[in-house]
């Protein structure tokens, strides 16, 4: 299976790329990746890996070393959004609530399926032009 790279733009748009199996292997969260490593069309771009998830849906956390999965005790925040029983939606973070969840390490491996990244350096061509569908470019015939 290939890794899917979700590239977020400052405009709020997200572009999806098939990164291949070995393009991002061994990279860590919050590491800078050159666009040429992912695809030849993305030459000149640089991305920062902001998050990832594996084939089972477990998220990667920067605090966990290596590529394996671990069960860690999480407080309210990334990876844990549970509310205490009987509490309504108040918008406040619950005090003292912790939950043991399975997470993956910060190093990307062959088990990683989705990688989220944001642009740090823009290349020559705009992403909208690179990922434009052929039907969008051609003028409509009446």
N, C-alpha and C. Protein backbone atom coordinates (compact mmCIF):
# COMPACT_ATOMS: atom_id res chain seq x y z
N UNK A 1 0.84 -1.19 0.00
CA UNK A 1 0.00 0.00 0.00
C UNK A 1 0.88 1.25 0.00
N UNK A 2 0.36 2.29 -0.61
CA UNK A 2 1.12 3.53 -0.68
C UNK A 2 0.67 4.50 0.42
N UNK A 3 1.53 5.45 0.71
CA UNK A 3 1.18 6.50 1.67
C UNK A 3 0.44 7.60 0.94
N UNK A 4 -0.57 8.13 1.57
CA UNK A 4 -1.30 9.28 1.05
C UNK A 4 -0.77 10.51 1.77
N UNK A 5 -0.33 11.50 1.01
CA UNK A 5 0.18 12.74 1.59
C UNK A 5 -0.88 13.82 1.42
N UNK A 6 -1.34 14.39 2.53
CA UNK A 6 -2.30 15.48 2.51
C UNK A 6 -1.54 16.78 2.75
N UNK A 7 -1.50 17.63 1.73
CA UNK A 7 -0.74 18.88 1.81
C UNK A 7 -1.74 20.02 2.08
N UNK A 8 -1.56 20.73 3.17
CA UNK A 8 -2.45 21.85 3.47
C UNK A 8 -1.80 23.15 3.05
N UNK A 9 -2.61 23.99 2.42
CA UNK A 9 -2.16 25.28 1.91
C UNK A 9 -2.62 26.36 2.89
N UNK A 10 -2.01 27.54 2.82
CA UNK A 10 -2.41 28.63 3.70
C UNK A 10 -3.83 29.12 3.40
N UNK A 11 -4.31 28.85 2.18
CA UNK A 11 -5.66 29.26 1.80
C UNK A 11 -6.73 28.39 2.44
N UNK A 12 -6.33 27.29 3.07
CA UNK A 12 -7.28 26.39 3.70
C UNK A 12 -7.62 25.20 2.82
N UNK A 13 -7.01 25.09 1.65
CA UNK A 13 -7.26 23.96 0.76
C UNK A 13 -6.28 22.84 1.07
N UNK A 14 -6.73 21.62 0.81
CA UNK A 14 -5.90 20.45 1.01
C UNK A 14 -5.76 19.70 -0.29
N UNK A 15 -4.54 19.32 -0.63
CA UNK A 15 -4.26 18.57 -1.85
C UNK A 15 -3.73 17.20 -1.46
N UNK A 16 -4.19 16.18 -2.17
CA UNK A 16 -3.82 14.80 -1.83
C UNK A 16 -2.91 14.22 -2.90
N UNK A 17 -1.83 13.56 -2.47
CA UNK A 17 -0.84 12.97 -3.36
C UNK A 17 -0.54 11.56 -2.89
N UNK A 18 -0.37 10.62 -3.83
CA UNK A 18 0.15 9.30 -3.50
C UNK A 18 1.66 9.42 -3.41
N UNK A 19 2.21 9.23 -2.22
CA UNK A 19 3.63 9.47 -1.99
C UNK A 19 4.49 8.25 -2.28
N UNK A 20 3.92 7.10 -2.51
CA UNK A 20 4.72 5.89 -2.71
C UNK A 20 5.13 5.32 -1.38
N UNK A 21 5.69 4.12 -1.43
CA UNK A 21 6.03 3.45 -0.18
C UNK A 21 7.32 3.94 0.45
N UNK A 22 8.33 4.25 -0.35
CA UNK A 22 9.63 4.56 0.21
C UNK A 22 9.95 6.04 0.24
N UNK A 23 9.07 6.89 -0.28
CA UNK A 23 9.37 8.32 -0.35
C UNK A 23 9.53 8.95 1.03
N UNK A 24 8.70 8.57 1.96
CA UNK A 24 8.73 9.17 3.30
C UNK A 24 9.15 8.18 4.38
N UNK A 25 9.60 6.99 3.99
CA UNK A 25 10.02 5.98 4.97
C UNK A 25 11.20 6.49 5.79
N UNK A 26 11.10 6.35 7.11
CA UNK A 26 12.18 6.75 8.00
C UNK A 26 12.14 8.20 8.42
N UNK A 27 11.27 9.01 7.84
CA UNK A 27 11.14 10.41 8.24
C UNK A 27 10.38 10.48 9.57
N UNK A 28 10.58 11.57 10.31
CA UNK A 28 9.94 11.74 11.60
C UNK A 28 8.92 12.87 11.54
N UNK A 29 8.05 12.92 12.53
CA UNK A 29 7.11 14.03 12.64
C UNK A 29 7.88 15.33 12.82
N UNK A 30 7.39 16.40 12.22
CA UNK A 30 7.96 17.74 12.27
C UNK A 30 9.33 17.82 11.61
N UNK A 31 9.60 16.93 10.68
CA UNK A 31 10.81 16.96 9.87
C UNK A 31 10.47 17.61 8.53
N UNK A 32 11.42 18.35 7.97
CA UNK A 32 11.22 19.01 6.69
C UNK A 32 11.48 18.03 5.56
N UNK A 33 10.56 17.99 4.57
CA UNK A 33 10.67 17.09 3.43
C UNK A 33 10.65 17.92 2.16
N UNK A 34 11.55 17.61 1.23
CA UNK A 34 11.57 18.32 -0.05
C UNK A 34 10.50 17.74 -0.97
N UNK A 35 9.93 18.58 -1.80
CA UNK A 35 8.88 18.17 -2.71
C UNK A 35 9.35 17.18 -3.75
N UNK A 36 10.62 17.26 -4.16
CA UNK A 36 11.17 16.34 -5.16
C UNK A 36 11.17 14.91 -4.65
N UNK A 37 11.30 14.73 -3.34
CA UNK A 37 11.30 13.38 -2.76
C UNK A 37 9.94 12.70 -2.92
N UNK A 38 8.87 13.49 -2.96
CA UNK A 38 7.52 12.96 -3.06
C UNK A 38 7.09 12.79 -4.51
N UNK A 39 7.25 13.85 -5.30
CA UNK A 39 6.82 13.82 -6.69
C UNK A 39 7.64 14.84 -7.48
N UNK A 40 7.88 14.54 -8.75
CA UNK A 40 8.65 15.46 -9.60
C UNK A 40 7.90 16.76 -9.84
N UNK A 41 6.56 16.72 -9.79
CA UNK A 41 5.76 17.93 -10.01
C UNK A 41 5.92 18.94 -8.88
N UNK A 42 6.31 18.49 -7.70
CA UNK A 42 6.40 19.35 -6.53
C UNK A 42 7.81 19.91 -6.32
N UNK A 43 8.59 20.02 -7.38
CA UNK A 43 9.95 20.54 -7.28
C UNK A 43 9.92 21.98 -6.77
N UNK A 44 10.80 22.29 -5.83
CA UNK A 44 10.88 23.62 -5.26
C UNK A 44 10.08 23.78 -3.97
N UNK A 45 9.16 22.89 -3.70
CA UNK A 45 8.36 22.96 -2.48
C UNK A 45 9.09 22.29 -1.33
N UNK A 46 8.79 22.75 -0.12
CA UNK A 46 9.24 22.08 1.10
C UNK A 46 8.04 21.97 2.04
N UNK A 47 7.95 20.84 2.72
CA UNK A 47 6.83 20.56 3.61
C UNK A 47 7.34 20.17 4.99
N UNK A 48 6.53 20.41 6.01
CA UNK A 48 6.79 19.93 7.36
C UNK A 48 5.72 18.89 7.66
N UNK A 49 6.15 17.71 8.10
CA UNK A 49 5.21 16.64 8.45
C UNK A 49 4.58 17.01 9.79
N UNK A 50 3.26 17.19 9.80
CA UNK A 50 2.57 17.62 11.02
C UNK A 50 1.85 16.49 11.73
N UNK A 51 1.58 15.39 11.04
CA UNK A 51 0.88 14.29 11.67
C UNK A 51 0.82 13.09 10.76
N UNK A 52 0.42 11.95 11.30
CA UNK A 52 0.33 10.73 10.51
C UNK A 52 -0.58 9.74 11.23
N UNK A 53 -1.09 8.78 10.46
CA UNK A 53 -1.84 7.68 11.04
C UNK A 53 -1.51 6.40 10.28
N UNK A 54 -1.68 5.26 10.94
CA UNK A 54 -1.27 4.00 10.33
C UNK A 54 -2.46 3.27 9.72
N UNK A 55 -2.23 2.02 9.32
CA UNK A 55 -3.25 1.23 8.63
C UNK A 55 -4.46 0.91 9.50
N UNK A 56 -4.30 0.96 10.82
CA UNK A 56 -5.41 0.70 11.73
C UNK A 56 -6.07 1.97 12.24
N UNK A 57 -5.53 3.13 11.85
CA UNK A 57 -6.10 4.39 12.27
C UNK A 57 -5.46 4.98 13.51
N UNK A 58 -4.41 4.35 14.04
CA UNK A 58 -3.74 4.89 15.22
C UNK A 58 -2.89 6.09 14.80
N UNK A 59 -2.98 7.19 15.57
CA UNK A 59 -2.23 8.39 15.24
C UNK A 59 -0.78 8.26 15.70
N UNK A 60 0.10 9.04 15.08
CA UNK A 60 1.49 9.11 15.50
C UNK A 60 1.65 10.29 16.45
N UNK A 61 2.41 10.09 17.51
CA UNK A 61 2.67 11.15 18.47
C UNK A 61 4.15 11.42 18.55
N UNK A 62 4.50 12.70 18.67
CA UNK A 62 5.91 13.08 18.67
C UNK A 62 6.64 12.67 19.95
N UNK A 63 5.92 12.36 21.02
CA UNK A 63 6.55 11.97 22.28
C UNK A 63 6.99 10.51 22.29
N UNK A 64 6.48 9.69 21.36
CA UNK A 64 6.78 8.27 21.34
C UNK A 64 7.91 8.01 20.35
N UNK A 65 8.99 7.41 20.82
CA UNK A 65 10.15 7.12 19.97
C UNK A 65 9.90 5.87 19.13
N UNK A 66 10.51 5.80 17.95
CA UNK A 66 10.48 4.60 17.13
C UNK A 66 9.27 4.50 16.23
N UNK A 67 9.08 3.27 15.68
CA UNK A 67 8.00 3.03 14.73
C UNK A 67 6.86 2.19 15.29
N UNK A 68 7.04 1.60 16.45
CA UNK A 68 6.06 0.67 16.99
C UNK A 68 4.86 1.34 17.62
N UNK A 69 3.90 0.51 18.05
CA UNK A 69 2.72 1.03 18.73
C UNK A 69 2.86 0.81 20.24
N UNK A 70 2.29 1.74 21.01
CA UNK A 70 2.34 1.66 22.46
C UNK A 70 1.00 2.11 23.01
N UNK A 71 0.70 1.66 24.21
CA UNK A 71 -0.50 2.12 24.91
C UNK A 71 -0.05 3.13 25.95
N UNK A 72 -0.49 4.36 25.79
CA UNK A 72 -0.06 5.44 26.67
C UNK A 72 -1.26 6.06 27.35
N UNK A 73 -1.02 6.69 28.48
CA UNK A 73 -2.05 7.37 29.24
C UNK A 73 -2.11 8.81 28.77
N UNK A 74 -3.26 9.21 28.19
CA UNK A 74 -3.41 10.54 27.62
C UNK A 74 -4.34 11.40 28.44
N UNK A 75 -4.02 12.69 28.49
CA UNK A 75 -4.94 13.68 29.03
C UNK A 75 -5.76 14.21 27.88
N UNK A 76 -6.68 15.09 28.15
CA UNK A 76 -7.54 15.67 27.13
C UNK A 76 -6.68 16.43 26.13
N UNK A 77 -6.88 16.18 24.85
CA UNK A 77 -6.12 16.87 23.81
C UNK A 77 -5.99 16.00 22.60
N UNK A 78 -4.81 15.98 21.98
CA UNK A 78 -4.60 15.23 20.75
C UNK A 78 -4.77 13.74 21.01
N UNK A 79 -5.71 13.14 20.30
CA UNK A 79 -5.93 11.71 20.42
C UNK A 79 -6.93 11.32 21.49
N UNK A 80 -7.36 12.26 22.33
CA UNK A 80 -8.31 11.94 23.39
C UNK A 80 -9.28 13.10 23.55
N UNK A 81 -10.55 12.87 23.20
CA UNK A 81 -11.56 13.91 23.27
C UNK A 81 -12.82 13.40 23.96
N UNK A 82 -12.64 12.60 24.98
CA UNK A 82 -13.78 12.01 25.68
C UNK A 82 -14.24 12.93 26.81
N UNK A 83 -15.52 12.93 27.05
CA UNK A 83 -16.10 13.71 28.15
C UNK A 83 -16.49 12.75 29.28
N UNK A 84 -16.46 13.21 30.52
CA UNK A 84 -16.91 12.36 31.63
C UNK A 84 -18.39 12.02 31.49
N UNK A 85 -18.79 10.89 32.06
CA UNK A 85 -20.20 10.46 31.98
C UNK A 85 -21.10 11.49 32.63
N UNK A 86 -22.22 11.75 31.96
CA UNK A 86 -23.22 12.65 32.51
C UNK A 86 -22.93 14.11 32.30
N UNK A 87 -21.76 14.46 31.75
CA UNK A 87 -21.43 15.86 31.55
C UNK A 87 -21.87 16.30 30.16
N UNK A 88 -22.55 17.42 30.09
CA UNK A 88 -23.02 17.93 28.80
C UNK A 88 -21.90 18.69 28.11
N UNK A 89 -22.16 19.13 26.89
CA UNK A 89 -21.17 19.90 26.14
C UNK A 89 -21.06 21.30 26.76
N UNK A 90 -20.02 21.51 27.53
CA UNK A 90 -19.82 22.79 28.17
C UNK A 90 -18.71 23.59 27.51
N UNK A 91 -17.89 22.94 26.72
CA UNK A 91 -16.78 23.63 26.06
C UNK A 91 -15.53 23.71 26.92
N UNK A 92 -15.57 23.19 28.13
CA UNK A 92 -14.39 23.22 28.99
C UNK A 92 -13.71 21.86 28.97
N UNK A 93 -12.44 21.88 29.24
CA UNK A 93 -11.69 20.63 29.31
C UNK A 93 -11.95 19.98 30.66
N UNK A 94 -12.20 18.68 30.68
CA UNK A 94 -12.45 18.00 31.96
C UNK A 94 -11.16 17.88 32.79
N UNK A 95 -11.28 18.11 34.09
CA UNK A 95 -10.13 18.01 34.99
C UNK A 95 -9.92 16.56 35.41
N UNK A 96 -8.69 16.10 35.33
CA UNK A 96 -8.35 14.80 35.87
C UNK A 96 -8.74 13.60 35.03
N UNK A 97 -9.44 13.81 33.91
CA UNK A 97 -9.84 12.68 33.08
C UNK A 97 -8.66 12.22 32.24
N UNK A 98 -8.31 10.95 32.36
CA UNK A 98 -7.23 10.37 31.56
C UNK A 98 -7.73 9.07 30.97
N UNK A 99 -7.13 8.69 29.84
CA UNK A 99 -7.57 7.49 29.15
C UNK A 99 -6.36 6.82 28.51
N UNK A 100 -6.28 5.50 28.62
CA UNK A 100 -5.18 4.78 28.00
C UNK A 100 -5.57 4.45 26.56
N UNK A 101 -4.76 4.92 25.60
CA UNK A 101 -5.06 4.70 24.19
C UNK A 101 -3.82 4.19 23.48
N UNK A 102 -4.04 3.54 22.34
CA UNK A 102 -2.95 3.04 21.52
C UNK A 102 -2.53 4.11 20.53
N UNK A 103 -1.24 4.38 20.47
CA UNK A 103 -0.68 5.35 19.53
C UNK A 103 0.57 4.76 18.88
N UNK A 104 1.00 5.36 17.80
CA UNK A 104 2.18 4.91 17.07
C UNK A 104 3.31 5.90 17.30
N UNK A 105 4.54 5.43 17.12
CA UNK A 105 5.72 6.27 17.29
C UNK A 105 5.85 7.32 16.21
N UNK A 106 6.82 8.24 16.40
CA UNK A 106 6.95 9.39 15.52
C UNK A 106 7.67 9.11 14.20
N UNK A 107 8.27 7.96 14.04
CA UNK A 107 8.97 7.63 12.80
C UNK A 107 8.01 6.95 11.82
N UNK A 108 7.96 7.44 10.59
CA UNK A 108 7.07 6.87 9.58
C UNK A 108 7.65 5.55 9.08
N UNK A 109 6.78 4.57 8.86
CA UNK A 109 7.22 3.25 8.43
C UNK A 109 6.32 2.73 7.33
N UNK A 110 6.50 1.46 6.98
CA UNK A 110 5.67 0.85 5.93
C UNK A 110 4.21 0.71 6.36
N UNK A 111 3.94 0.76 7.66
CA UNK A 111 2.57 0.66 8.16
C UNK A 111 1.82 1.99 8.10
N UNK A 112 2.51 3.09 7.89
CA UNK A 112 1.89 4.40 7.83
C UNK A 112 1.11 4.53 6.53
N UNK A 113 -0.13 4.99 6.62
CA UNK A 113 -0.99 5.12 5.43
C UNK A 113 -1.29 6.57 5.08
N UNK A 114 -1.40 7.44 6.07
CA UNK A 114 -1.74 8.84 5.81
C UNK A 114 -0.75 9.74 6.51
N UNK A 115 -0.25 10.74 5.77
CA UNK A 115 0.69 11.70 6.31
C UNK A 115 0.14 13.10 6.04
N UNK A 116 0.09 13.92 7.07
CA UNK A 116 -0.36 15.30 6.93
C UNK A 116 0.86 16.21 6.92
N UNK A 117 0.85 17.19 6.02
CA UNK A 117 1.98 18.10 5.90
C UNK A 117 1.49 19.51 5.60
N UNK A 118 2.31 20.49 5.96
CA UNK A 118 1.99 21.87 5.60
C UNK A 118 3.18 22.47 4.87
N UNK A 119 2.89 23.44 4.02
CA UNK A 119 3.90 24.03 3.16
C UNK A 119 4.74 25.02 3.95
N UNK A 120 6.08 24.92 3.81
CA UNK A 120 6.97 25.91 4.40
C UNK A 120 7.65 26.74 3.33
N UNK A 121 7.87 26.17 2.15
CA UNK A 121 8.50 26.88 1.05
C UNK A 121 7.72 26.57 -0.22
N UNK A 122 7.34 27.63 -0.94
CA UNK A 122 6.53 27.48 -2.14
C UNK A 122 7.44 27.35 -3.36
N UNK A 123 7.04 26.47 -4.30
CA UNK A 123 7.80 26.26 -5.53
C UNK A 123 7.39 27.23 -6.62
N UNK A 124 7.83 26.94 -7.85
CA UNK A 124 7.56 27.81 -8.99
C UNK A 124 6.09 27.80 -9.40
N UNK A 125 5.48 26.62 -9.47
CA UNK A 125 4.09 26.49 -9.89
C UNK A 125 3.18 26.46 -8.68
N UNK A 126 1.96 26.98 -8.86
CA UNK A 126 0.98 26.92 -7.78
C UNK A 126 0.43 25.50 -7.67
N UNK A 127 0.05 25.11 -6.46
CA UNK A 127 -0.51 23.78 -6.24
C UNK A 127 -1.83 23.60 -6.98
N UNK A 128 -2.60 24.67 -7.09
CA UNK A 128 -3.88 24.59 -7.81
C UNK A 128 -3.65 24.24 -9.28
N UNK A 129 -2.55 24.73 -9.86
CA UNK A 129 -2.23 24.40 -11.26
C UNK A 129 -1.72 22.98 -11.40
N UNK A 130 -0.95 22.53 -10.42
CA UNK A 130 -0.39 21.17 -10.47
C UNK A 130 -1.49 20.13 -10.33
N UNK A 131 -2.44 20.37 -9.43
CA UNK A 131 -3.48 19.38 -9.15
C UNK A 131 -4.79 19.65 -9.88
N UNK A 132 -4.79 20.58 -10.83
CA UNK A 132 -6.02 20.88 -11.58
C UNK A 132 -6.40 19.68 -12.44
N UNK A 133 -7.69 19.39 -12.47
CA UNK A 133 -8.18 18.30 -13.29
C UNK A 133 -8.29 18.79 -14.73
N UNK A 134 -8.12 17.91 -15.70
CA UNK A 134 -8.19 18.34 -17.09
C UNK A 134 -9.54 18.97 -17.46
N UNK A 135 -10.61 18.53 -16.85
CA UNK A 135 -11.92 19.08 -17.17
C UNK A 135 -12.06 20.53 -16.67
N UNK A 136 -11.31 20.91 -15.61
CA UNK A 136 -11.37 22.26 -15.10
C UNK A 136 -10.60 23.23 -15.98
N UNK A 137 -9.53 22.77 -16.63
CA UNK A 137 -8.71 23.65 -17.45
C UNK A 137 -9.37 23.99 -18.77
N UNK A 138 -10.01 23.01 -19.39
CA UNK A 138 -10.58 23.22 -20.72
C UNK A 138 -11.83 24.08 -20.62
N UNK A 139 -12.02 25.02 -21.59
CA UNK A 139 -13.24 25.82 -21.57
C UNK A 139 -14.45 24.97 -21.94
N UNK A 140 -15.58 25.34 -21.38
CA UNK A 140 -16.81 24.57 -21.65
C UNK A 140 -17.31 24.85 -23.06
N UNK A 141 -17.72 23.79 -23.71
CA UNK A 141 -18.29 23.91 -25.04
C UNK A 141 -19.80 23.90 -24.92
N UNK A 142 -20.44 24.75 -25.70
CA UNK A 142 -21.90 24.83 -25.63
C UNK A 142 -22.55 24.19 -26.83
